[in-house]
Amino acid sequence: MEIVLKINGKDKTYTAGFISARMVRRTIEVSKEVNFDNILPEELDKLMDYIVELFGNQFTRDELYDGLASKDLIPTITKCINEVVGEVSSVTAGEGKNE
C-alpha cells in the first residue's frame, strides 16, 4: 500500500508493507467510530491519525493534511480502510466451503 504526499513542493511516496493483526483491529475500530456521511472535524483527525499509524509514523498528521489534495482526502481514507479489511476478507473468503 502506498500514499503520495506533497512535502516541501515535491511528491514523496510512502509505503506500508507489513500490516499487523493489531492494525486490522484498529481499522475495524476506527471505521465503526466514524459517521462517513457527516464527518466531524474530530473524526477526521482520528482518521488521519489512523493513516499516520498505518504507515508507521513516516509522516505527521499535519504533513498528511497539508500534503494530500482535497479531492483525494476521502478516497484515500476509504482506500486505506478497504485495503486492510480487504486483505482479511480475501483470506477468509474461502473458509467454510468444505463444511
PDB file of N, CA and C in Angstrom:
ATOM      1  N   MET A   1       0.855  -1.157   0.000  1.00  0.00           N
ATOM      2  CA  MET A   1       0.000   0.000   0.000  1.00  0.00           C
ATOM      3  C   MET A   1       0.905   1.225   0.000  1.00  0.00           C
ATOM      4  N   GLU A   2       0.483   2.249  -0.747  1.00  0.00           N
ATOM      5  CA  GLU A   2       1.284   3.465  -0.773  1.00  0.00           C
ATOM      6  C   GLU A   2       0.419   4.711  -0.796  1.00  0.00           C
ATOM      7  N   ILE A   3       1.058   5.806  -0.399  1.00  0.00           N
ATOM      8  CA  ILE A   3       0.403   7.105  -0.393  1.00  0.00           C
ATOM      9  C   ILE A   3       1.433   8.117  -0.891  1.00  0.00           C
ATOM     10  N   VAL A   4       0.964   9.078  -1.686  1.00  0.00           N
ATOM     11  CA  VAL A   4       1.842  10.124  -2.200  1.00  0.00           C
ATOM     12  C   VAL A   4       1.407  11.453  -1.594  1.00  0.00           C
ATOM     13  N   LEU A   5       2.350  12.118  -0.931  1.00  0.00           N
ATOM     14  CA  LEU A   5       2.092  13.415  -0.312  1.00  0.00           C
ATOM     15  C   LEU A   5       3.019  14.457  -0.916  1.00  0.00           C
ATOM     16  N   LYS A   6       2.548  15.674  -0.996  1.00  0.00           N
ATOM     17  CA  LYS A   6       3.391  16.779  -1.462  1.00  0.00           C
ATOM     18  C   LYS A   6       4.049  17.381  -0.224  1.00  0.00           C
ATOM     19  N   ILE A   7       5.364  17.166  -0.113  1.00  0.00           N
ATOM     20  CA  ILE A   7       6.148  17.659   1.015  1.00  0.00           C
ATOM     21  C   ILE A   7       7.196  18.634   0.474  1.00  0.00           C
ATOM     22  N   ASN A   8       7.190  19.851   0.980  1.00  0.00           N
ATOM     23  CA  ASN A   8       8.124  20.888   0.513  1.00  0.00           C
ATOM     24  C   ASN A   8       8.082  21.044  -1.007  1.00  0.00           C
ATOM     25  N   GLY A   9       6.876  20.980  -1.569  1.00  0.00           N
ATOM     26  CA  GLY A   9       6.697  21.192  -3.000  1.00  0.00           C
ATOM     27  C   GLY A   9       7.019  20.007  -3.888  1.00  0.00           C
ATOM     28  N   LYS A  10       7.418  18.886  -3.299  1.00  0.00           N
ATOM     29  CA  LYS A  10       7.765  17.704  -4.094  1.00  0.00           C
ATOM     30  C   LYS A  10       6.920  16.512  -3.662  1.00  0.00           C
ATOM     31  N   ASP A  11       6.558  15.676  -4.641  1.00  0.00           N
ATOM     32  CA  ASP A  11       5.813  14.461  -4.323  1.00  0.00           C
ATOM     33  C   ASP A  11       6.731  13.461  -3.642  1.00  0.00           C
ATOM     34  N   LYS A  12       6.259  12.914  -2.541  1.00  0.00           N
ATOM     35  CA  LYS A  12       7.019  11.898  -1.812  1.00  0.00           C
ATOM     36  C   LYS A  12       6.098  10.703  -1.594  1.00  0.00           C
ATOM     37  N   THR A  13       6.582   9.528  -1.956  1.00  0.00           N
ATOM     38  CA  THR A  13       5.803   8.306  -1.830  1.00  0.00           C
ATOM     39  C   THR A  13       6.195   7.561  -0.562  1.00  0.00           C
ATOM     40  N   TYR A  14       5.188   7.169   0.194  1.00  0.00           N
ATOM     41  CA  TYR A  14       5.377   6.378   1.410  1.00  0.00           C
ATOM     42  C   TYR A  14       4.691   5.031   1.213  1.00  0.00           C
ATOM     43  N   THR A  15       5.297   3.985   1.748  1.00  0.00           N
ATOM     44  CA  THR A  15       4.695   2.658   1.613  1.00  0.00           C
ATOM     45  C   THR A  15       4.456   2.034   2.983  1.00  0.00           C
ATOM     46  N   ALA A  16       3.455   1.189   3.026  1.00  0.00           N
ATOM     47  CA  ALA A  16       3.160   0.384   4.212  1.00  0.00           C
ATOM     48  C   ALA A  16       3.116  -1.057   3.733  1.00  0.00           C
ATOM     49  N   GLY A  17       4.169  -1.792   4.004  1.00  0.00           N
ATOM     50  CA  GLY A  17       4.255  -3.166   3.517  1.00  0.00           C
ATOM     51  C   GLY A  17       3.572  -4.159   4.438  1.00  0.00           C
ATOM     52  N   PHE A  18       4.053  -4.254   5.662  1.00  0.00           N
ATOM     53  CA  PHE A  18       3.534  -5.211   6.633  1.00  0.00           C
ATOM     54  C   PHE A  18       2.358  -4.606   7.372  1.00  0.00           C
ATOM     55  N   ILE A  19       1.217  -5.272   7.320  1.00  0.00           N
ATOM     56  CA  ILE A  19       0.029  -4.833   8.060  1.00  0.00           C
ATOM     57  C   ILE A  19      -0.198  -5.847   9.178  1.00  0.00           C
ATOM     58  N   SER A  20      -0.037  -5.411  10.410  1.00  0.00           N
ATOM     59  CA  SER A  20      -0.173  -6.316  11.553  1.00  0.00           C
ATOM     60  C   SER A  20      -1.641  -6.628  11.846  1.00  0.00           C
ATOM     61  N   ALA A  21      -1.855  -7.676  12.582  1.00  0.00           N
ATOM     62  CA  ALA A  21      -3.208  -8.041  13.019  1.00  0.00           C
ATOM     63  C   ALA A  21      -3.788  -6.936  13.898  1.00  0.00           C
ATOM     64  N   ARG A  22      -2.943  -6.293  14.669  1.00  0.00           N
ATOM     65  CA  ARG A  22      -3.407  -5.179  15.508  1.00  0.00           C
ATOM     66  C   ARG A  22      -3.942  -4.033  14.641  1.00  0.00           C
ATOM     67  N   MET A  23      -3.321  -3.833  13.489  1.00  0.00           N
ATOM     68  CA  MET A  23      -3.779  -2.770  12.584  1.00  0.00           C
ATOM     69  C   MET A  23      -5.137  -3.128  11.983  1.00  0.00           C
ATOM     70  N   VAL A  24      -5.389  -4.398  11.768  1.00  0.00           N
ATOM     71  CA  VAL A  24      -6.714  -4.821  11.293  1.00  0.00           C
ATOM     72  C   VAL A  24      -7.757  -4.475  12.352  1.00  0.00           C
ATOM     73  N   ARG A  25      -7.441  -4.781  13.610  1.00  0.00           N
ATOM     74  CA  ARG A  25      -8.355  -4.453  14.703  1.00  0.00           C
ATOM     75  C   ARG A  25      -8.588  -2.952  14.768  1.00  0.00           C
ATOM     76  N   ARG A  26      -7.516  -2.185  14.640  1.00  0.00           N
ATOM     77  CA  ARG A  26      -7.598  -0.719  14.685  1.00  0.00           C
ATOM     78  C   ARG A  26      -8.453  -0.181  13.526  1.00  0.00           C
ATOM     79  N   THR A  27      -8.321  -0.804  12.367  1.00  0.00           N
ATOM     80  CA  THR A  27      -9.102  -0.398  11.198  1.00  0.00           C
ATOM     81  C   THR A  27     -10.587  -0.593  11.445  1.00  0.00           C
ATOM     82  N   ILE A  28     -10.937  -1.742  11.982  1.00  0.00           N
ATOM     83  CA  ILE A  28     -12.338  -2.033  12.292  1.00  0.00           C
ATOM     84  C   ILE A  28     -12.853  -1.042  13.331  1.00  0.00           C
ATOM     85  N   GLU A  29     -12.053  -0.799  14.351  1.00  0.00           N
ATOM     86  CA  GLU A  29     -12.425   0.124  15.425  1.00  0.00           C
ATOM     87  C   GLU A  29     -12.681   1.536  14.873  1.00  0.00           C
ATOM     88  N   VAL A  30     -11.760   2.044  14.090  1.00  0.00           N
ATOM     89  CA  VAL A  30     -11.882   3.400  13.550  1.00  0.00           C
ATOM     90  C   VAL A  30     -13.060   3.505  12.593  1.00  0.00           C
ATOM     91  N   SER A  31     -13.239   2.521  11.733  1.00  0.00           N
ATOM     92  CA  SER A  31     -14.321   2.601  10.752  1.00  0.00           C
ATOM     93  C   SER A  31     -15.697   2.531  11.419  1.00  0.00           C
ATOM     94  N   LYS A  32     -15.797   1.891  12.581  1.00  0.00           N
ATOM     95  CA  LYS A  32     -17.072   1.825  13.303  1.00  0.00           C
ATOM     96  C   LYS A  32     -17.369   3.130  14.046  1.00  0.00           C
ATOM     97  N   GLU A  33     -16.320   3.865  14.436  1.00  0.00           N
ATOM     98  CA  GLU A  33     -16.482   5.082  15.236  1.00  0.00           C
ATOM     99  C   GLU A  33     -16.887   6.300  14.421  1.00  0.00           C
ATOM    100  N   VAL A  34     -16.685   6.252  13.105  1.00  0.00           N
ATOM    101  CA  VAL A  34     -16.862   7.439  12.278  1.00  0.00           C
ATOM    102  C   VAL A  34     -18.121   7.337  11.427  1.00  0.00           C
ATOM    103  N   ASN A  35     -18.893   8.420  11.400  1.00  0.00           N
ATOM    104  CA  ASN A  35     -20.055   8.517  10.534  1.00  0.00           C
ATOM    105  C   ASN A  35     -19.576   9.119   9.211  1.00  0.00           C
ATOM    106  N   PHE A  36     -19.376   8.286   8.205  1.00  0.00           N
ATOM    107  CA  PHE A  36     -18.804   8.731   6.943  1.00  0.00           C
ATOM    108  C   PHE A  36     -19.748   9.636   6.144  1.00  0.00           C
ATOM    109  N   ASP A  37     -21.023   9.657   6.496  1.00  0.00           N
ATOM    110  CA  ASP A  37     -21.974  10.524   5.795  1.00  0.00           C
ATOM    111  C   ASP A  37     -21.871  11.973   6.249  1.00  0.00           C
ATOM    112  N   ASN A  38     -21.383  12.175   7.465  1.00  0.00           N
ATOM    113  CA  ASN A  38     -21.290  13.529   8.030  1.00  0.00           C
ATOM    114  C   ASN A  38     -20.097  13.578   8.985  1.00  0.00           C
ATOM    115  N   ILE A  39     -18.886  13.606   8.430  1.00  0.00           N
ATOM    116  CA  ILE A  39     -17.672  13.541   9.238  1.00  0.00           C
ATOM    117  C   ILE A  39     -17.451  14.859   9.980  1.00  0.00           C
ATOM    118  N   LEU A  40     -17.260  14.747  11.284  1.00  0.00           N
ATOM    119  CA  LEU A  40     -16.934  15.893  12.121  1.00  0.00           C
ATOM    120  C   LEU A  40     -15.423  16.120  12.102  1.00  0.00           C
ATOM    121  N   PRO A  41     -14.961  17.334  12.390  1.00  0.00           N
ATOM    122  CA  PRO A  41     -13.515  17.597  12.400  1.00  0.00           C
ATOM    123  C   PRO A  41     -12.730  16.647  13.315  1.00  0.00           C
ATOM    124  N   GLU A  42     -13.284  16.328  14.481  1.00  0.00           N
ATOM    125  CA  GLU A  42     -12.604  15.427  15.416  1.00  0.00           C
ATOM    126  C   GLU A  42     -12.488  14.017  14.827  1.00  0.00           C
ATOM    127  N   GLU A  43     -13.528  13.596  14.113  1.00  0.00           N
ATOM    128  CA  GLU A  43     -13.495  12.274  13.480  1.00  0.00           C
ATOM    129  C   GLU A  43     -12.471  12.253  12.348  1.00  0.00           C
ATOM    130  N   LEU A  44     -12.378  13.342  11.611  1.00  0.00           N
ATOM    131  CA  LEU A  44     -11.403  13.433  10.536  1.00  0.00           C
ATOM    132  C   LEU A  44      -9.987  13.353  11.103  1.00  0.00           C
ATOM    133  N   ASP A  45      -9.750  14.048  12.221  1.00  0.00           N
ATOM    134  CA  ASP A  45      -8.442  13.948  12.884  1.00  0.00           C
ATOM    135  C   ASP A  45      -8.137  12.505  13.275  1.00  0.00           C
ATOM    136  N   LYS A  46      -9.141  11.802  13.780  1.00  0.00           N
ATOM    137  CA  LYS A  46      -8.969  10.403  14.178  1.00  0.00           C
ATOM    138  C   LYS A  46      -8.605   9.541  12.970  1.00  0.00           C
ATOM    139  N   LEU A  47      -9.252   9.779  11.843  1.00  0.00           N
ATOM    140  CA  LEU A  47      -8.952   9.030  10.621  1.00  0.00           C
ATOM    141  C   LEU A  47      -7.553   9.348  10.107  1.00  0.00           C
ATOM    142  N   MET A  48      -7.161  10.620  10.186  1.00  0.00           N
ATOM    143  CA  MET A  48      -5.818  10.998   9.738  1.00  0.00           C
ATOM    144  C   MET A  48      -4.762  10.367  10.645  1.00  0.00           C
ATOM    145  N   ASP A  49      -5.013  10.354  11.944  1.00  0.00           N
ATOM    146  CA  ASP A  49      -4.086   9.699  12.871  1.00  0.00           C
ATOM    147  C   ASP A  49      -3.983   8.206  12.561  1.00  0.00           C
ATOM    148  N   TYR A  50      -5.106   7.605  12.193  1.00  0.00           N
ATOM    149  CA  TYR A  50      -5.118   6.190  11.808  1.00  0.00           C
ATOM    150  C   TYR A  50      -4.216   5.957  10.596  1.00  0.00           C
ATOM    151  N   ILE A  51      -4.308   6.817   9.589  1.00  0.00           N
ATOM    152  CA  ILE A  51      -3.480   6.656   8.388  1.00  0.00           C
ATOM    153  C   ILE A  51      -2.006   6.840   8.735  1.00  0.00           C
ATOM    154  N   VAL A  52      -1.698   7.822   9.566  1.00  0.00           N
ATOM    155  CA  VAL A  52      -0.313   8.014  10.012  1.00  0.00           C
ATOM    156  C   VAL A  52       0.193   6.743  10.693  1.00  0.00           C
ATOM    157  N   GLU A  53      -0.625   6.181  11.569  1.00  0.00           N
ATOM    158  CA  GLU A  53      -0.265   4.943  12.272  1.00  0.00           C
ATOM    159  C   GLU A  53      -0.115   3.785  11.289  1.00  0.00           C
ATOM    160  N   LEU A  54      -1.030   3.691  10.333  1.00  0.00           N
ATOM    161  CA  LEU A  54      -0.991   2.620   9.330  1.00  0.00           C
ATOM    162  C   LEU A  54       0.320   2.642   8.556  1.00  0.00           C
ATOM    163  N   PHE A  55       0.832   3.830   8.276  1.00  0.00           N
ATOM    164  CA  PHE A  55       2.081   3.974   7.528  1.00  0.00           C
ATOM    165  C   PHE A  55       3.299   4.078   8.446  1.00  0.00           C
ATOM    166  N   GLY A  56       3.151   3.622   9.679  1.00  0.00           N
ATOM    167  CA  GLY A  56       4.289   3.523  10.590  1.00  0.00           C
ATOM    168  C   GLY A  56       4.884   4.857  11.000  1.00  0.00           C
ATOM    169  N   ASN A  57       4.057   5.892  11.091  1.00  0.00           N
ATOM    170  CA  ASN A  57       4.504   7.219  11.528  1.00  0.00           C
ATOM    171  C   ASN A  57       5.643   7.778  10.667  1.00  0.00           C
ATOM    172  N   GLN A  58       5.604   7.476   9.376  1.00  0.00           N
ATOM    173  CA  GLN A  58       6.613   8.003   8.454  1.00  0.00           C
ATOM    174  C   GLN A  58       6.383   9.488   8.163  1.00  0.00           C
ATOM    175  N   PHE A  59       5.192   9.982   8.484  1.00  0.00           N
ATOM    176  CA  PHE A  59       4.833  11.379   8.304  1.00  0.00           C
ATOM    177  C   PHE A  59       3.890  11.759   9.434  1.00  0.00           C
ATOM    178  N   THR A  60       3.659  13.034   9.597  1.00  0.00           N
ATOM    179  CA  THR A  60       2.799  13.516  10.673  1.00  0.00           C
ATOM    180  C   THR A  60       1.382  13.766  10.159  1.00  0.00           C
ATOM    181  N   ARG A  61       0.476  13.982  11.101  1.00  0.00           N
ATOM    182  CA  ARG A  61      -0.887  14.335  10.724  1.00  0.00           C
ATOM    183  C   ARG A  61      -0.894  15.626   9.910  1.00  0.00           C
ATOM    184  N   ASP A  62      -0.109  16.605  10.343  1.00  0.00           N
ATOM    185  CA  ASP A  62      -0.042  17.875   9.610  1.00  0.00           C
ATOM    186  C   ASP A  62       0.504  17.683   8.203  1.00  0.00           C
ATOM    187  N   GLU A  63       1.528  16.852   8.036  1.00  0.00           N
ATOM    188  CA  GLU A  63       2.068  16.580   6.700  1.00  0.00           C
ATOM    189  C   GLU A  63       1.021  15.889   5.834  1.00  0.00           C
ATOM    190  N   LEU A  64       0.217  15.040   6.443  1.00  0.00           N
ATOM    191  CA  LEU A  64      -0.852  14.369   5.713  1.00  0.00           C
ATOM    192  C   LEU A  64      -1.917  15.376   5.285  1.00  0.00           C
ATOM    193  N   TYR A  65      -2.364  16.227   6.212  1.00  0.00           N
ATOM    194  CA  TYR A  65      -3.346  17.257   5.876  1.00  0.00           C
ATOM    195  C   TYR A  65      -2.823  18.204   4.796  1.00  0.00           C
ATOM    196  N   ASP A  66      -1.584  18.629   4.936  1.00  0.00           N
ATOM    197  CA  ASP A  66      -1.027  19.621   4.012  1.00  0.00           C
ATOM    198  C   ASP A  66      -0.545  19.021   2.692  1.00  0.00           C
ATOM    199  N   GLY A  67      -0.209  17.743   2.695  1.00  0.00           N
ATOM    200  CA  GLY A  67       0.367  17.128   1.503  1.00  0.00           C
ATOM    201  C   GLY A  67      -0.597  16.344   0.646  1.00  0.00           C
ATOM    202  N   LEU A  68      -1.827  16.196   1.102  1.00  0.00           N
ATOM    203  CA  LEU A  68      -2.833  15.433   0.372  1.00  0.00           C
ATOM    204  C   LEU A  68      -3.816  16.404  -0.280  1.00  0.00           C
ATOM    205  N   ALA A  69      -4.062  16.241  -1.564  1.00  0.00           N
ATOM    206  CA  ALA A  69      -5.014  17.105  -2.264  1.00  0.00           C
ATOM    207  C   ALA A  69      -6.414  16.896  -1.690  1.00  0.00           C
ATOM    208  N   SER A  70      -7.185  17.971  -1.612  1.00  0.00           N
ATOM    209  CA  SER A  70      -8.527  17.885  -1.024  1.00  0.00           C
ATOM    210  C   SER A  70      -9.399  16.852  -1.732  1.00  0.00           C
ATOM    211  N   LYS A  71      -9.279  16.766  -3.048  1.00  0.00           N
ATOM    212  CA  LYS A  71     -10.097  15.803  -3.796  1.00  0.00           C
ATOM    213  C   LYS A  71      -9.710  14.355  -3.494  1.00  0.00           C
ATOM    214  N   ASP A  72      -8.515  14.147  -2.931  1.00  0.00           N
ATOM    215  CA  ASP A  72      -8.041  12.792  -2.627  1.00  0.00           C
ATOM    216  C   ASP A  72      -8.281  12.387  -1.177  1.00  0.00           C
ATOM    217  N   LEU A  73      -8.782  13.300  -0.359  1.00  0.00           N
ATOM    218  CA  LEU A  73      -8.922  13.027   1.067  1.00  0.00           C
ATOM    219  C   LEU A  73      -9.798  11.809   1.360  1.00  0.00           C
ATOM    220  N   ILE A  74     -11.056  11.868   1.009  1.00  0.00           N
ATOM    221  CA  ILE A  74     -11.980  10.762   1.317  1.00  0.00           C
ATOM    222  C   ILE A  74     -11.605   9.493   0.539  1.00  0.00           C
ATOM    223  N   PRO A  75     -11.275   9.578  -0.764  1.00  0.00           N
ATOM    224  CA  PRO A  75     -10.857   8.366  -1.464  1.00  0.00           C
ATOM    225  C   PRO A  75      -9.627   7.690  -0.833  1.00  0.00           C
ATOM    226  N   THR A  76      -8.692   8.486  -0.307  1.00  0.00           N
ATOM    227  CA  THR A  76      -7.501   7.913   0.327  1.00  0.00           C
ATOM    228  C   THR A  76      -7.864   7.201   1.620  1.00  0.00           C
ATOM    229  N   ILE A  77      -8.698   7.821   2.438  1.00  0.00           N
ATOM    230  CA  ILE A  77      -9.137   7.193   3.689  1.00  0.00           C
ATOM    231  C   ILE A  77      -9.854   5.881   3.384  1.00  0.00           C
ATOM    232  N   THR A  78     -10.786   5.935   2.444  1.00  0.00           N
ATOM    233  CA  THR A  78     -11.557   4.748   2.068  1.00  0.00           C
ATOM    234  C   THR A  78     -10.656   3.653   1.520  1.00  0.00           C
ATOM    235  N   LYS A  79      -9.718   4.027   0.674  1.00  0.00           N
ATOM    236  CA  LYS A  79      -8.792   3.053   0.090  1.00  0.00           C
ATOM    237  C   LYS A  79      -7.961   2.360   1.167  1.00  0.00           C
ATOM    238  N   CYS A  80      -7.455   3.124   2.114  1.00  0.00           N
ATOM    239  CA  CYS A  80      -6.644   2.542   3.191  1.00  0.00           C
ATOM    240  C   CYS A  80      -7.461   1.540   4.010  1.00  0.00           C
ATOM    241  N   ILE A  81      -8.653   1.938   4.402  1.00  0.00           N
ATOM    242  CA  ILE A  81      -9.513   1.039   5.184  1.00  0.00           C
ATOM    243  C   ILE A  81      -9.849  -0.208   4.376  1.00  0.00           C
ATOM    244  N   ASN A  82     -10.247  -0.022   3.116  1.00  0.00           N
ATOM    245  CA  ASN A  82     -10.623  -1.160   2.278  1.00  0.00           C
ATOM    246  C   ASN A  82      -9.459  -2.106   2.010  1.00  0.00           C
ATOM    247  N   GLU A  83      -8.254  -1.563   1.851  1.00  0.00           N
ATOM    248  CA  GLU A  83      -7.104  -2.426   1.603  1.00  0.00           C
ATOM    249  C   GLU A  83      -6.790  -3.290   2.818  1.00  0.00           C
ATOM    250  N   VAL A  84      -6.865  -2.732   4.009  1.00  0.00           N
ATOM    251  CA  VAL A  84      -6.594  -3.516   5.218  1.00  0.00           C
ATOM    252  C   VAL A  84      -7.684  -4.553   5.431  1.00  0.00           C
ATOM    253  N   VAL A  85      -8.934  -4.130   5.388  1.00  0.00           N
ATOM    254  CA  VAL A  85     -10.054  -5.057   5.603  1.00  0.00           C
ATOM    255  C   VAL A  85     -10.164  -6.032   4.437  1.00  0.00           C
ATOM    256  N   GLY A  86      -9.853  -5.587   3.233  1.00  0.00           N
ATOM    257  CA  GLY A  86      -9.908  -6.439   2.047  1.00  0.00           C
ATOM    258  C   GLY A  86      -8.938  -7.591   2.112  1.00  0.00           C
ATOM    259  N   GLU A  87      -7.750  -7.380   2.700  1.00  0.00           N
ATOM    260  CA  GLU A  87      -6.779  -8.459   2.842  1.00  0.00           C
ATOM    261  C   GLU A  87      -7.337  -9.555   3.727  1.00  0.00           C
ATOM    262  N   VAL A  88      -7.998  -9.176   4.807  1.00  0.00           N
ATOM    263  CA  VAL A  88      -8.594 -10.154   5.713  1.00  0.00           C
ATOM    264  C   VAL A  88      -9.747 -10.868   5.019  1.00  0.00           C
ATOM    265  N   SER A  89     -10.579 -10.132   4.306  1.00  0.00           N
ATOM    266  CA  SER A  89     -11.733 -10.714   3.616  1.00  0.00           C
ATOM    267  C   SER A  89     -11.298 -11.720   2.556  1.00  0.00           C
ATOM    268  N   SER A  90     -10.225 -11.419   1.832  1.00  0.00           N
ATOM    269  CA  SER A  90      -9.778 -12.329   0.785  1.00  0.00           C
ATOM    270  C   SER A  90      -9.232 -13.618   1.379  1.00  0.00           C
ATOM    271  N   VAL A  91      -8.641 -13.557   2.567  1.00  0.00           N
ATOM    272  CA  VAL A  91      -8.120 -14.756   3.215  1.00  0.00           C
ATOM    273  C   VAL A  91      -9.260 -15.605   3.753  1.00  0.00           C
ATOM    274  N   THR A  92     -10.280 -14.971   4.308  1.00  0.00           N
ATOM    275  CA  THR A  92     -11.390 -15.721   4.920  1.00  0.00           C
ATOM    276  C   THR A  92     -12.470 -16.107   3.922  1.00  0.00           C
ATOM    277  N   ALA A  93     -12.407 -15.600   2.695  1.00  0.00           N
ATOM    278  CA  ALA A  93     -13.453 -15.871   1.707  1.00  0.00           C
ATOM    279  C   ALA A  93     -13.579 -17.348   1.379  1.00  0.00           C
ATOM    280  N   GLY A  94     -12.485 -18.057   1.407  1.00  0.00           N
ATOM    281  CA  GLY A  94     -12.516 -19.476   1.057  1.00  0.00           C
ATOM    282  C   GLY A  94     -12.842 -20.396   2.217  1.00  0.00           C
ATOM    283  N   GLU A  95     -12.902 -19.880   3.431  1.00  0.00           N
ATOM    284  CA  GLU A  95     -13.179 -20.708   4.609  1.00  0.00           C
ATOM    285  C   GLU A  95     -14.636 -21.133   4.656  1.00  0.00           C
ATOM    286  N   GLY A  96     -14.866 -22.358   5.129  1.00  0.00           N
ATOM    287  CA  GLY A  96     -16.212 -22.850   5.333  1.00  0.00           C
ATOM    288  C   GLY A  96     -16.863 -23.458   4.118  1.00  0.00           C
ATOM    289  N   LYS A  97     -16.190 -23.490   2.980  1.00  0.00           N
ATOM    290  CA  LYS A  97     -16.793 -24.029   1.753  1.00  0.00           C
ATOM    291  C   LYS A  97     -16.890 -25.550   1.783  1.00  0.00           C
ATOM    292  N   ASN A  98     -15.983 -26.198   2.512  1.00  0.00           N
ATOM    293  CA  ASN A  98     -15.973 -27.654   2.530  1.00  0.00           C
ATOM    294  C   ASN A  98     -16.711 -28.227   3.716  1.00  0.00           C
ATOM    295  N   GLU A  99     -17.440 -27.434   4.428  1.00  0.00           N
ATOM    296  CA  GLU A  99     -18.143 -27.923   5.617  1.00  0.00           C
ATOM    297  C   GLU A  99     -19.508 -28.435   5.270  1.00  0.00           C
TER     298      GLU A  99
END
